[in-house]
Amino acid sequence: MAEETVAMRGTSPATLSRVAHDASVSMSTVSKVLNGRAGVSDATRARVEELLHSHGYNRRSSPGNLAPLVELVFDVLDSAWAIEIIRGVERVARANGLSVVLTESGNRHTPGPEWIDGVMQRRPVGVILVFSDLSPDHKRQLRTRNIPFVVVDPAGDPAPDVPSIGSANWSGGLAATRHLIELGHRRIAMITGPDDMMCSRARVSGYRSALEAAGIPVVEELIVPGDFRRETGIERGTELLSMIDPPTAIFAGSDLQALGVYEAARELGVDIPGDVSVVGYDDLQISRWVGPPLTTIRQPLTEMAEEATRLVLRLRTAKPDENLRLDLATSLVVRSSTRRLD
């Protein structure tokens, strides 16, 4: 491989041959590390990566060394929720002459080492991660190759140097609960999302705030854990609706969980909204088609994905601002699954 001259932090030039010398490896080994190829031990790979970082290596991007791809990473790729994100990314990517590669990290919020090796080989123009975060090593590796990244709806509170796009989850939780309170409900249950996800915690906080502002005691037994999936909505919905004193309303932390509550209610002979009002979260297309159509909080998923894609493309040529975090507004969509309490 031809020797590449690069800029080092400070005034001294650094070359890949210098990295190879300091790591006591060949230039071909450095090339394998840079391009995510096999045939390098974990220890050697880590040593070379550290030297690339310490020497301030930053591969210059050019049309010849980047593939016309945007990499889109999900922890799990199996729901209507994911389709809304894919639609937004694909729309902006197509307008810019790019294709989209989908990757599933396997129920992990931080992709594993096999993923970063694949990215090194594919060399996309940018990476968009959904419900995910990057390890410090992965951040360094992407930056060393000049591959920008953006996180959509980050699982945890992103570091200041991680660009991210989210939505106003606290306001959404507040609006859903206020709607039910305004309809006269006082015994309002909530099926949460995972505790380790920032969006889930924010929705629960909004729910609690609405109850407290209305002077309604928060009943802890009415807050049950979920994971945003339909199956959990069935389980938790069955538990709540089978209580001796069941809730008159249920706020599900996602539309999929709300659809699970629909199924639980059907099995138990409970009428929606006659016996229990139900509010979801996301405003997936299916929420308009179920019977009765679902009252929900609209999370602008497609718009979030579009913003993330535009941002990752801008970051190819511009350094991100500190604390680059954008939260889009949510809104209440009232349909037929909620009614005024008699």
C-alpha atoms as a PDB file:
ATOM      1  CA  MET A   1       0.000   0.000   0.000  1.00  0.00           C
ATOM      2  CA  ALA A   2       1.189   3.498  -0.770  1.00  0.00           C
ATOM      3  CA  GLU A   3       2.452   5.476   2.208  1.00  0.00           C
ATOM      4  CA  GLU A   4      -0.024   8.145   3.333  1.00  0.00           C
ATOM      5  CA  THR A   5       1.214  11.395   4.832  1.00  0.00           C
ATOM      6  CA  VAL A   6      -1.065  12.729   7.523  1.00  0.00           C
ATOM      7  CA  ALA A   7      -1.209  15.592   9.977  1.00  0.00           C
ATOM      8  CA  MET A   8      -0.145  15.018  13.571  1.00  0.00           C
ATOM      9  CA  ARG A   9      -1.325  16.962  16.591  1.00  0.00           C
ATOM     10  CA  GLY A  10       1.308  19.634  17.016  1.00  0.00           C
ATOM     11  CA  THR A  11       3.842  20.477  14.309  1.00  0.00           C
ATOM     12  CA  SER A  12       5.595  17.165  13.479  1.00  0.00           C
ATOM     13  CA  PRO A  13       4.327  15.135  10.486  1.00  0.00           C
ATOM     14  CA  ALA A  14       3.194  11.587  11.057  1.00  0.00           C
ATOM     15  CA  THR A  15       2.925   8.816   8.521  1.00  0.00           C
ATOM     16  CA  LEU A  16       1.440   5.379   8.596  1.00  0.00           C
ATOM     17  CA  SER A  17       4.981   4.073   8.432  1.00  0.00           C
ATOM     18  CA  ARG A  18       5.652   5.870  11.731  1.00  0.00           C
ATOM     19  CA  VAL A  19       2.610   4.173  13.265  1.00  0.00           C
ATOM     20  CA  ALA A  20       3.835   0.819  11.930  1.00  0.00           C
ATOM     21  CA  HIS A  21       7.306   1.466  13.368  1.00  0.00           C
ATOM     22  CA  ASP A  22       6.002   2.475  16.798  1.00  0.00           C
ATOM     23  CA  ALA A  23       3.691  -0.531  16.915  1.00  0.00           C
ATOM     24  CA  SER A  24       6.459  -2.883  15.695  1.00  0.00           C
ATOM     25  CA  VAL A  25       4.249  -4.173  12.894  1.00  0.00           C
ATOM     26  CA  SER A  26       4.306  -4.085   9.104  1.00  0.00           C
ATOM     27  CA  MET A  27       2.554  -1.513   6.927  1.00  0.00           C
ATOM     28  CA  SER A  28       0.221  -4.271   5.711  1.00  0.00           C
ATOM     29  CA  THR A  29      -0.853  -4.878   9.320  1.00  0.00           C
ATOM     30  CA  VAL A  30      -1.659  -1.180   9.764  1.00  0.00           C
ATOM     31  CA  SER A  31      -3.621  -1.344   6.509  1.00  0.00           C
ATOM     32  CA  LYS A  32      -5.614  -4.326   7.796  1.00  0.00           C
ATOM     33  CA  VAL A  33      -6.479  -2.450  10.979  1.00  0.00           C
ATOM     34  CA  LEU A  34      -7.513   0.667   9.063  1.00  0.00           C
ATOM     35  CA  ASN A  35      -9.776  -1.321   6.773  1.00  0.00           C
ATOM     36  CA  GLY A  36     -11.244  -3.712   9.344  1.00  0.00           C
ATOM     37  CA  ARG A  37      -9.759  -6.820   7.771  1.00  0.00           C
ATOM     38  CA  ALA A  38      -9.011 -10.084   9.540  1.00  0.00           C
ATOM     39  CA  GLY A  39      -5.589 -11.524  10.299  1.00  0.00           C
ATOM     40  CA  VAL A  40      -4.658  -9.196  13.187  1.00  0.00           C
ATOM     41  CA  SER A  41      -4.729 -10.202  16.849  1.00  0.00           C
ATOM     42  CA  ASP A  42      -6.913  -8.229  19.250  1.00  0.00           C
ATOM     43  CA  ALA A  43      -3.857  -6.974  21.144  1.00  0.00           C
ATOM     44  CA  THR A  44      -2.126  -5.769  17.991  1.00  0.00           C
ATOM     45  CA  ARG A  45      -5.285  -4.181  16.662  1.00  0.00           C
ATOM     46  CA  ALA A  46      -5.769  -2.272  19.926  1.00  0.00           C
ATOM     47  CA  ARG A  47      -2.123  -1.114  19.913  1.00  0.00           C
ATOM     48  CA  VAL A  48      -2.337   0.171  16.342  1.00  0.00           C
ATOM     49  CA  GLU A  49      -5.655   1.912  17.010  1.00  0.00           C
ATOM     50  CA  GLU A  50      -4.201   3.669  20.047  1.00  0.00           C
ATOM     51  CA  LEU A  51      -1.209   4.881  18.019  1.00  0.00           C
ATOM     52  CA  LEU A  52      -3.427   6.102  15.185  1.00  0.00           C
ATOM     53  CA  HIS A  53      -5.370   8.085  17.773  1.00  0.00           C
ATOM     54  CA  SER A  54      -2.325   9.408  19.642  1.00  0.00           C
ATOM     55  CA  HIS A  55      -0.643  10.498  16.385  1.00  0.00           C
ATOM     56  CA  GLY A  56      -3.819  12.339  15.389  1.00  0.00           C
ATOM     57  CA  TYR A  57      -4.295  10.288  12.245  1.00  0.00           C
ATOM     58  CA  ASN A  58      -7.375  11.291  10.278  1.00  0.00           C
ATOM     59  CA  ARG A  59      -7.905   9.706   6.905  1.00  0.00           C
ATOM     60  CA  ARG A  60      -8.811  12.292   4.320  1.00  0.00           C
ATOM     61  CA  SER A  61     -12.147  11.454   2.715  1.00  0.00           C
ATOM     62  CA  SER A  62     -12.461  11.449  -1.045  1.00  0.00           C
ATOM     63  CA  PRO A  63     -14.963   9.968  -3.483  1.00  0.00           C
ATOM     64  CA  GLY A  64     -12.506   7.181  -4.122  1.00  0.00           C
ATOM     65  CA  ASN A  65     -12.221   5.875  -0.569  1.00  0.00           C
ATOM     66  CA  LEU A  66     -15.803   6.157   0.705  1.00  0.00           C
ATOM     67  CA  ALA A  67     -18.689   3.981  -0.449  1.00  0.00           C
ATOM     68  CA  PRO A  68     -21.966   5.721  -1.418  1.00  0.00           C
ATOM     69  CA  LEU A  69     -23.648   4.276   1.671  1.00  0.00           C
ATOM     70  CA  VAL A  70     -25.238   5.406   4.921  1.00  0.00           C
ATOM     71  CA  GLU A  71     -25.050   2.768   7.664  1.00  0.00           C
ATOM     72  CA  LEU A  72     -28.194   2.532   9.839  1.00  0.00           C
ATOM     73  CA  VAL A  73     -27.822   0.537  13.073  1.00  0.00           C
ATOM     74  CA  PHE A  74     -30.701  -0.800  15.214  1.00  0.00           C
ATOM     75  CA  ASP A  75     -30.488  -2.862  18.388  1.00  0.00           C
ATOM     76  CA  VAL A  76     -33.416  -4.914  17.072  1.00  0.00           C
ATOM     77  CA  LEU A  77     -34.913  -4.641  13.609  1.00  0.00           C
ATOM     78  CA  ASP A  78     -38.353  -6.223  13.916  1.00  0.00           C
ATOM     79  CA  SER A  79     -41.093  -3.629  14.322  1.00  0.00           C
ATOM     80  CA  ALA A  80     -43.247  -1.013  12.631  1.00  0.00           C
ATOM     81  CA  TRP A  81     -41.300   1.539  14.692  1.00  0.00           C
ATOM     82  CA  ALA A  82     -38.122   0.688  12.772  1.00  0.00           C
ATOM     83  CA  ILE A  83     -39.928   1.112   9.433  1.00  0.00           C
ATOM     84  CA  GLU A  84     -40.655   4.767  10.233  1.00  0.00           C
ATOM     85  CA  ILE A  85     -36.957   5.414  10.901  1.00  0.00           C
ATOM     86  CA  ILE A  86     -35.846   3.555   7.777  1.00  0.00           C
ATOM     87  CA  ARG A  87     -38.301   5.567   5.672  1.00  0.00           C
ATOM     88  CA  GLY A  88     -36.816   8.878   6.826  1.00  0.00           C
ATOM     89  CA  VAL A  89     -33.175   7.837   6.390  1.00  0.00           C
ATOM     90  CA  GLU A  90     -33.823   6.329   2.975  1.00  0.00           C
ATOM     91  CA  ARG A  91     -35.664   9.436   1.747  1.00  0.00           C
ATOM     92  CA  VAL A  92     -32.744  11.786   2.448  1.00  0.00           C
ATOM     93  CA  ALA A  93     -30.108   9.247   1.396  1.00  0.00           C
ATOM     94  CA  ARG A  94     -31.821   8.675  -1.960  1.00  0.00           C
ATOM     95  CA  ALA A  95     -32.027  12.419  -2.584  1.00  0.00           C
ATOM     96  CA  ASN A  96     -28.246  12.553  -2.115  1.00  0.00           C
ATOM     97  CA  GLY A  97     -27.465   9.580  -4.351  1.00  0.00           C
ATOM     98  CA  LEU A  98     -26.753   7.217  -1.448  1.00  0.00           C
ATOM     99  CA  SER A  99     -27.926   3.741  -0.486  1.00  0.00           C
ATOM    100  CA  VAL A 100     -28.724   2.541   3.051  1.00  0.00           C
ATOM    101  CA  VAL A 101     -27.140  -0.457   4.796  1.00  0.00           C
ATOM    102  CA  LEU A 102     -29.133  -1.885   7.728  1.00  0.00           C
ATOM    103  CA  THR A 103     -27.371  -3.501  10.676  1.00  0.00           C
ATOM    104  CA  GLU A 104     -28.866  -5.149  13.768  1.00  0.00           C
ATOM    105  CA  SER A 105     -26.693  -5.147  16.889  1.00  0.00           C
ATOM    106  CA  GLY A 106     -28.643  -7.972  18.537  1.00  0.00           C
ATOM    107  CA  ASN A 107     -30.491  -6.443  21.499  1.00  0.00           C
ATOM    108  CA  ARG A 108     -27.395  -4.516  22.583  1.00  0.00           C
ATOM    109  CA  HIS A 109     -27.332  -0.758  23.013  1.00  0.00           C
ATOM    110  CA  THR A 110     -23.617  -0.753  22.139  1.00  0.00           C
ATOM    111  CA  PRO A 111     -22.644  -2.584  18.913  1.00  0.00           C
ATOM    112  CA  GLY A 112     -19.972  -5.255  19.259  1.00  0.00           C
ATOM    113  CA  PRO A 113     -16.468  -5.484  17.751  1.00  0.00           C
ATOM    114  CA  GLU A 114     -17.662  -7.440  14.711  1.00  0.00           C
ATOM    115  CA  TRP A 115     -19.809  -4.451  13.747  1.00  0.00           C
ATOM    116  CA  ILE A 116     -16.963  -1.927  13.770  1.00  0.00           C
ATOM    117  CA  ASP A 117     -14.821  -4.269  11.672  1.00  0.00           C
ATOM    118  CA  GLY A 118     -17.621  -4.393   9.101  1.00  0.00           C
ATOM    119  CA  VAL A 119     -17.870  -0.605   9.059  1.00  0.00           C
ATOM    120  CA  MET A 120     -14.141  -0.335   8.438  1.00  0.00           C
ATOM    121  CA  GLN A 121     -14.556  -2.584   5.416  1.00  0.00           C
ATOM    122  CA  ARG A 122     -17.658  -0.875   4.020  1.00  0.00           C
ATOM    123  CA  ARG A 123     -16.384   2.690   4.598  1.00  0.00           C
ATOM    124  CA  PRO A 124     -19.805   4.398   4.545  1.00  0.00           C
ATOM    125  CA  VAL A 125     -20.088   8.160   4.297  1.00  0.00           C
ATOM    126  CA  GLY A 126     -21.740   8.166   7.745  1.00  0.00           C
ATOM    127  CA  VAL A 127     -23.313   6.053  10.487  1.00  0.00           C
ATOM    128  CA  ILE A 128     -26.720   6.556  12.158  1.00  0.00           C
ATOM    129  CA  LEU A 129     -27.371   4.578  15.340  1.00  0.00           C
ATOM    130  CA  VAL A 130     -30.867   4.095  16.806  1.00  0.00           C
ATOM    131  CA  PHE A 131     -31.391   3.414  20.541  1.00  0.00           C
ATOM    132  CA  SER A 132     -27.640   2.872  20.691  1.00  0.00           C
ATOM    133  CA  ASP A 133     -24.391   4.357  21.837  1.00  0.00           C
ATOM    134  CA  LEU A 134     -20.767   3.912  20.903  1.00  0.00           C
ATOM    135  CA  SER A 135     -17.900   2.790  23.063  1.00  0.00           C
ATOM    136  CA  PRO A 136     -14.980   5.232  23.351  1.00  0.00           C
ATOM    137  CA  ASP A 137     -12.894   2.906  21.151  1.00  0.00           C
ATOM    138  CA  HIS A 138     -15.545   2.836  18.439  1.00  0.00           C
ATOM    139  CA  LYS A 139     -15.811   6.633  18.473  1.00  0.00           C
ATOM    140  CA  ARG A 140     -12.051   6.943  18.012  1.00  0.00           C
ATOM    141  CA  GLN A 141     -12.037   4.402  15.202  1.00  0.00           C
ATOM    142  CA  LEU A 142     -14.782   6.170  13.275  1.00  0.00           C
ATOM    143  CA  ARG A 143     -13.191   9.568  13.753  1.00  0.00           C
ATOM    144  CA  THR A 144      -9.796   8.246  12.682  1.00  0.00           C
ATOM    145  CA  ARG A 145     -11.390   7.161   9.383  1.00  0.00           C
ATOM    146  CA  ASN A 146     -13.313  10.447   9.098  1.00  0.00           C
ATOM    147  CA  ILE A 147     -16.684   8.631   9.246  1.00  0.00           C
ATOM    148  CA  PRO A 148     -19.216  10.883  11.029  1.00  0.00           C
ATOM    149  CA  PHE A 149     -21.958   9.413  13.228  1.00  0.00           C
ATOM    150  CA  VAL A 150     -25.260  10.548  14.766  1.00  0.00           C
ATOM    151  CA  VAL A 151     -27.420   8.810  17.384  1.00  0.00           C
ATOM    152  CA  VAL A 152     -31.230   8.806  17.083  1.00  0.00           C
ATOM    153  CA  ASP A 153     -33.146   8.565  20.371  1.00  0.00           C
ATOM    154  CA  PRO A 154     -30.034   7.623  22.365  1.00  0.00           C
ATOM    155  CA  ALA A 155     -30.448   4.952  25.029  1.00  0.00           C
ATOM    156  CA  GLY A 156     -28.532   6.966  27.609  1.00  0.00           C
ATOM    157  CA  ASP A 157     -27.587  10.605  28.036  1.00  0.00           C
ATOM    158  CA  PRO A 158     -25.149  11.142  25.149  1.00  0.00           C
ATOM    159  CA  ALA A 159     -21.734  12.643  25.758  1.00  0.00           C
ATOM    160  CA  PRO A 160     -21.283  16.274  24.631  1.00  0.00           C
ATOM    161  CA  ASP A 161     -19.218  15.116  21.639  1.00  0.00           C
ATOM    162  CA  VAL A 162     -21.932  12.761  20.329  1.00  0.00           C
ATOM    163  CA  PRO A 163     -24.415  14.430  17.939  1.00  0.00           C
ATOM    164  CA  SER A 164     -27.930  13.157  18.608  1.00  0.00           C
ATOM    165  CA  ILE A 165     -31.533  13.620  17.490  1.00  0.00           C
ATOM    166  CA  GLY A 166     -34.429  12.903  19.853  1.00  0.00           C
ATOM    167  CA  SER A 167     -37.893  14.125  20.748  1.00  0.00           C
ATOM    168  CA  ALA A 168     -39.633  15.791  23.684  1.00  0.00           C
ATOM    169  CA  ASN A 169     -40.415  12.613  25.636  1.00  0.00           C
ATOM    170  CA  TRP A 170     -41.138  14.321  28.967  1.00  0.00           C
ATOM    171  CA  SER A 171     -43.657  16.624  27.298  1.00  0.00           C
ATOM    172  CA  GLY A 172     -45.205  13.618  25.564  1.00  0.00           C
ATOM    173  CA  GLY A 173     -45.671  11.743  28.823  1.00  0.00           C
ATOM    174  CA  LEU A 174     -47.138  14.871  30.410  1.00  0.00           C
ATOM    175  CA  ALA A 175     -49.586  15.464  27.536  1.00  0.00           C
ATOM    176  CA  ALA A 176     -50.816  11.849  27.480  1.00  0.00           C
ATOM    177  CA  THR A 177     -51.533  11.853  31.196  1.00  0.00           C
ATOM    178  CA  ARG A 178     -53.087  15.338  31.203  1.00  0.00           C
ATOM    179  CA  HIS A 179     -55.470  14.226  28.465  1.00  0.00           C
ATOM    180  CA  LEU A 180     -56.705  11.360  30.626  1.00  0.00           C
ATOM    181  CA  ILE A 181     -56.976  13.598  33.693  1.00  0.00           C
ATOM    182  CA  GLU A 182     -59.016  16.123  31.719  1.00  0.00           C
ATOM    183  CA  LEU A 183     -61.404  13.293  30.795  1.00  0.00           C
ATOM    184  CA  GLY A 184     -62.022  12.713  34.505  1.00  0.00           C
ATOM    185  CA  HIS A 185     -59.723   9.722  35.070  1.00  0.00           C
ATOM    186  CA  ARG A 186     -57.919   9.479  38.379  1.00  0.00           C
ATOM    187  CA  ARG A 187     -56.822   5.844  38.501  1.00  0.00           C
ATOM    188  CA  ILE A 188     -54.392   5.968  35.582  1.00  0.00           C
ATOM    189  CA  ALA A 189     -51.899   3.162  35.029  1.00  0.00           C
ATOM    190  CA  MET A 190     -48.700   3.304  32.991  1.00  0.00           C
ATOM    191  CA  ILE A 191     -46.795   0.558  31.193  1.00  0.00           C
ATOM    192  CA  THR A 192     -43.249   1.904  30.960  1.00  0.00           C
ATOM    193  CA  GLY A 193     -40.378   1.153  28.624  1.00  0.00           C
ATOM    194  CA  PRO A 194     -36.976  -0.220  29.672  1.00  0.00           C
ATOM    195  CA  ASP A 195     -35.456   1.527  32.689  1.00  0.00           C
ATOM    196  CA  ASP A 196     -32.080   1.832  30.944  1.00  0.00           C
ATOM    197  CA  MET A 197     -33.503   3.988  28.134  1.00  0.00           C
ATOM    198  CA  MET A 198     -33.563   7.746  28.555  1.00  0.00           C
ATOM    199  CA  CYS A 199     -36.754   8.208  26.504  1.00  0.00           C
ATOM    200  CA  SER A 200     -38.618   5.738  28.714  1.00  0.00           C
ATOM    201  CA  ARG A 201     -37.551   7.433  31.936  1.00  0.00           C
ATOM    202  CA  ALA A 202     -38.571  10.827  30.537  1.00  0.00           C
ATOM    203  CA  ARG A 203     -42.074   9.576  29.642  1.00  0.00           C
ATOM    204  CA  VAL A 204     -42.550   8.175  33.149  1.00  0.00           C
ATOM    205  CA  SER A 205     -41.354  11.467  34.621  1.00  0.00           C
ATOM    206  CA  GLY A 206     -43.909  13.352  32.500  1.00  0.00           C
ATOM    207  CA  TYR A 207     -46.648  10.969  33.690  1.00  0.00           C
ATOM    208  CA  ARG A 208     -45.706  11.525  37.343  1.00  0.00           C
ATOM    209  CA  SER A 209     -45.517  15.290  36.878  1.00  0.00           C
ATOM    210  CA  ALA A 210     -49.009  15.466  35.374  1.00  0.00           C
ATOM    211  CA  LEU A 211     -50.504  13.503  38.274  1.00  0.00           C
ATOM    212  CA  GLU A 212     -48.680  15.556  40.890  1.00  0.00           C
ATOM    213  CA  ALA A 213     -49.679  18.859  39.247  1.00  0.00           C
ATOM    214  CA  ALA A 214     -53.324  17.729  39.354  1.00  0.00           C
ATOM    215  CA  GLY A 215     -53.055  16.720  43.020  1.00  0.00           C
ATOM    216  CA  ILE A 216     -53.571  13.043  42.199  1.00  0.00           C
ATOM    217  CA  PRO A 217     -51.469  10.604  44.267  1.00  0.00           C
ATOM    218  CA  VAL A 218     -49.014   8.469  42.295  1.00  0.00           C
ATOM    219  CA  VAL A 219     -49.938   4.829  42.942  1.00  0.00           C
ATOM    220  CA  GLU A 220     -46.773   2.804  42.441  1.00  0.00           C
ATOM    221  CA  GLU A 221     -48.634  -0.456  41.792  1.00  0.00           C
ATOM    222  CA  LEU A 222     -50.167   1.164  38.712  1.00  0.00           C
ATOM    223  CA  ILE A 223     -46.695   1.765  37.179  1.00  0.00           C
ATOM    224  CA  VAL A 224     -45.630  -1.543  35.633  1.00  0.00           C
ATOM    225  CA  PRO A 225     -42.417  -2.259  33.694  1.00  0.00           C
ATOM    226  CA  GLY A 226     -42.441  -2.878  29.968  1.00  0.00           C
ATOM    227  CA  ASP A 227     -40.089  -3.031  27.022  1.00  0.00           C
ATOM    228  CA  PHE A 228     -42.076  -1.262  24.263  1.00  0.00           C
ATOM    229  CA  ARG A 229     -43.174  -4.602  22.723  1.00  0.00           C
ATOM    230  CA  ARG A 230     -46.671  -5.884  22.008  1.00  0.00           C
ATOM    231  CA  GLU A 231     -46.155  -9.112  23.946  1.00  0.00           C
ATOM    232  CA  THR A 232     -45.363  -7.177  27.096  1.00  0.00           C
ATOM    233  CA  GLY A 233     -48.439  -5.035  26.539  1.00  0.00           C
ATOM    234  CA  ILE A 234     -50.537  -8.204  26.597  1.00  0.00           C
ATOM    235  CA  GLU A 235     -48.915  -9.420  29.824  1.00  0.00           C
ATOM    236  CA  ARG A 236     -49.000  -6.118  31.686  1.00  0.00           C
ATOM    237  CA  GLY A 237     -52.419  -5.212  30.331  1.00  0.00           C
ATOM    238  CA  THR A 238     -53.790  -8.520  31.628  1.00  0.00           C
ATOM    239  CA  GLU A 239     -52.275  -7.857  35.061  1.00  0.00           C
ATOM    240  CA  LEU A 240     -53.710  -4.340  35.278  1.00  0.00           C
ATOM    241  CA  LEU A 241     -57.171  -5.212  33.987  1.00  0.00           C
ATOM    242  CA  SER A 242     -57.389  -8.218  36.335  1.00  0.00           C
ATOM    243  CA  MET A 243     -56.857  -6.099  39.462  1.00  0.00           C
ATOM    244  CA  ILE A 244     -59.627  -6.039  42.078  1.00  0.00           C
ATOM    245  CA  ASP A 245     -59.706  -2.271  41.536  1.00  0.00           C
ATOM    246  CA  PRO A 246     -58.504  -1.933  37.927  1.00  0.00           C
ATOM    247  CA  PRO A 247     -57.420   1.372  36.374  1.00  0.00           C
ATOM    248  CA  THR A 248     -59.960   3.310  34.344  1.00  0.00           C
ATOM    249  CA  ALA A 249     -57.194   4.386  31.940  1.00  0.00           C
ATOM    250  CA  ILE A 250     -53.850   2.988  30.769  1.00  0.00           C
ATOM    251  CA  PHE A 251     -51.002   5.003  29.267  1.00  0.00           C
ATOM    252  CA  ALA A 252     -48.785   2.591  27.345  1.00  0.00           C
ATOM    253  CA  GLY A 253     -45.218   3.736  26.702  1.00  0.00           C
ATOM    254  CA  SER A 254     -45.459   2.726  23.027  1.00  0.00           C
ATOM    255  CA  ASP A 255     -48.142   2.034  20.440  1.00  0.00           C
ATOM    256  CA  LEU A 256     -47.037  -1.600  20.264  1.00  0.00           C
ATOM    257  CA  GLN A 257     -47.626  -2.009  24.007  1.00  0.00           C
ATOM    258  CA  ALA A 258     -50.993  -0.289  23.600  1.00  0.00           C
ATOM    259  CA  LEU A 259     -51.941  -2.858  20.949  1.00  0.00           C
ATOM    260  CA  GLY A 260     -50.984  -5.535  23.458  1.00  0.00           C
ATOM    261  CA  VAL A 261     -53.417  -3.938  25.931  1.00  0.00           C
ATOM    262  CA  TYR A 262     -56.098  -4.133  23.215  1.00  0.00           C
ATOM    263  CA  GLU A 263     -55.498  -7.880  22.961  1.00  0.00           C
ATOM    264  CA  ALA A 264     -55.580  -8.323  26.741  1.00  0.00           C
ATOM    265  CA  ALA A 265     -58.852  -6.379  26.929  1.00  0.00           C
ATOM    266  CA  ARG A 266     -60.388  -8.501  24.178  1.00  0.00           C
ATOM    267  CA  GLU A 267     -59.453 -11.723  25.983  1.00  0.00           C
ATOM    268  CA  LEU A 268     -60.922 -10.440  29.251  1.00  0.00           C
ATOM    269  CA  GLY A 269     -64.090  -9.025  27.715  1.00  0.00           C
ATOM    270  CA  VAL A 270     -63.122  -5.458  28.637  1.00  0.00           C
ATOM    271  CA  ASP A 271     -64.401  -2.739  26.312  1.00  0.00           C
ATOM    272  CA  ILE A 272     -62.171   0.063  24.994  1.00  0.00           C
ATOM    273  CA  PRO A 273     -63.024   2.852  25.677  1.00  0.00           C
ATOM    274  CA  GLY A 274     -66.229   1.881  27.503  1.00  0.00           C
ATOM    275  CA  ASP A 275     -64.451   0.179  30.405  1.00  0.00           C
ATOM    276  CA  VAL A 276     -60.911   1.498  30.043  1.00  0.00           C
ATOM    277  CA  SER A 277     -59.336   4.319  28.047  1.00  0.00           C
ATOM    278  CA  VAL A 278     -55.989   3.627  26.356  1.00  0.00           C
ATOM    279  CA  VAL A 279     -53.280   6.009  25.156  1.00  0.00           C
ATOM    280  CA  GLY A 280     -50.222   4.900  23.193  1.00  0.00           C
ATOM    281  CA  TYR A 281     -47.004   6.575  22.155  1.00  0.00           C
ATOM    282  CA  ASP A 282     -45.359   6.993  18.698  1.00  0.00           C
ATOM    283  CA  ASP A 283     -48.329   7.345  16.305  1.00  0.00           C
ATOM    284  CA  LEU A 284     -47.353   4.426  14.102  1.00  0.00           C
ATOM    285  CA  GLN A 285     -49.532   3.996  11.024  1.00  0.00           C
ATOM    286  CA  ILE A 286     -51.197   0.924  12.522  1.00  0.00           C
ATOM    287  CA  SER A 287     -52.573   3.063  15.382  1.00  0.00           C
ATOM    288  CA  ARG A 288     -55.056   4.595  12.909  1.00  0.00           C
ATOM    289  CA  TRP A 289     -56.250   1.239  11.607  1.00  0.00           C
ATOM    290  CA  VAL A 290     -57.041  -0.662  14.804  1.00  0.00           C
ATOM    291  CA  GLY A 291     -60.501  -0.675  16.338  1.00  0.00           C
ATOM    292  CA  PRO A 292     -61.035   1.669  17.988  1.00  0.00           C
ATOM    293  CA  PRO A 293     -58.386   3.964  16.440  1.00  0.00           C
ATOM    294  CA  LEU A 294     -55.744   4.659  19.090  1.00  0.00           C
ATOM    295  CA  THR A 295     -55.289   7.961  20.905  1.00  0.00           C
ATOM    296  CA  THR A 296     -51.522   8.433  21.052  1.00  0.00           C
ATOM    297  CA  ILE A 297     -48.580  10.801  21.322  1.00  0.00           C
ATOM    298  CA  ARG A 298     -47.107  11.535  17.924  1.00  0.00           C
ATOM    299  CA  GLN A 299     -43.358  11.139  17.977  1.00  0.00           C
ATOM    300  CA  PRO A 300     -42.005  12.497  14.668  1.00  0.00           C
ATOM    301  CA  LEU A 301     -39.971   9.378  13.892  1.00  0.00           C
ATOM    302  CA  THR A 302     -39.603   9.931  10.151  1.00  0.00           C
ATOM    303  CA  GLU A 303     -38.647  13.578  10.662  1.00  0.00           C
ATOM    304  CA  MET A 304     -36.122  12.572  13.350  1.00  0.00           C
ATOM    305  CA  ALA A 305     -34.536  10.131  10.904  1.00  0.00           C
ATOM    306  CA  GLU A 306     -34.450  12.751   8.150  1.00  0.00           C
ATOM    307  CA  GLU A 307     -32.766  15.277  10.463  1.00  0.00           C
ATOM    308  CA  ALA A 308     -30.217  12.666  11.560  1.00  0.00           C
ATOM    309  CA  THR A 309     -29.346  11.837   7.947  1.00  0.00           C
ATOM    310  CA  ARG A 310     -28.991  15.474   6.947  1.00  0.00           C
ATOM    311  CA  LEU A 311     -26.799  16.043   9.996  1.00  0.00           C
ATOM    312  CA  VAL A 312     -24.499  13.096   9.341  1.00  0.00           C
ATOM    313  CA  LEU A 313     -24.003  14.331   5.773  1.00  0.00           C
ATOM    314  CA  ARG A 314     -23.171  17.854   7.001  1.00  0.00           C
ATOM    315  CA  LEU A 315     -20.647  16.421   9.441  1.00  0.00           C
ATOM    316  CA  ARG A 316     -18.625  15.024   6.550  1.00  0.00           C
ATOM    317  CA  THR A 317     -17.280  18.524   5.992  1.00  0.00           C
ATOM    318  CA  ALA A 318     -18.028  20.376   9.244  1.00  0.00           C
ATOM    319  CA  LYS A 319     -16.960  19.766  12.826  1.00  0.00           C
ATOM    320  CA  PRO A 320     -19.920  19.242  15.197  1.00  0.00           C
ATOM    321  CA  ASP A 321     -20.760  21.963  17.684  1.00  0.00           C
ATOM    322  CA  GLU A 322     -20.419  21.123  21.358  1.00  0.00           C
ATOM    323  CA  ASN A 323     -23.573  19.663  22.918  1.00  0.00           C
ATOM    324  CA  LEU A 324     -25.144  19.086  19.500  1.00  0.00           C
ATOM    325  CA  ARG A 325     -28.534  17.717  20.574  1.00  0.00           C
ATOM    326  CA  LEU A 326     -31.828  18.353  18.797  1.00  0.00           C
ATOM    327  CA  ASP A 327     -35.196  17.370  20.284  1.00  0.00           C
ATOM    328  CA  LEU A 328     -38.232  17.581  17.996  1.00  0.00           C
ATOM    329  CA  ALA A 329     -41.686  18.374  19.382  1.00  0.00           C
ATOM    330  CA  THR A 330     -44.270  15.706  20.205  1.00  0.00           C
ATOM    331  CA  SER A 331     -48.049  16.182  20.018  1.00  0.00           C
ATOM    332  CA  LEU A 332     -51.237  14.547  21.276  1.00  0.00           C
ATOM    333  CA  VAL A 333     -53.395  12.828  18.646  1.00  0.00           C
ATOM    334  CA  VAL A 334     -56.905  12.180  19.996  1.00  0.00           C
ATOM    335  CA  ARG A 335     -58.827   9.304  18.449  1.00  0.00           C
ATOM    336  CA  SER A 336     -61.489   6.904  19.726  1.00  0.00           C
ATOM    337  CA  SER A 337     -59.672   4.851  22.390  1.00  0.00           C
ATOM    338  CA  THR A 338     -60.247   7.442  25.126  1.00  0.00           C
ATOM    339  CA  ARG A 339     -63.497   8.867  26.486  1.00  0.00           C
ATOM    340  CA  ARG A 340     -64.757  10.991  29.334  1.00  0.00           C
ATOM    341  CA  LEU A 341     -65.252   9.042  32.549  1.00  0.00           C
ATOM    342  CA  ASP A 342     -68.925   8.933  33.587  1.00  0.00           C
END
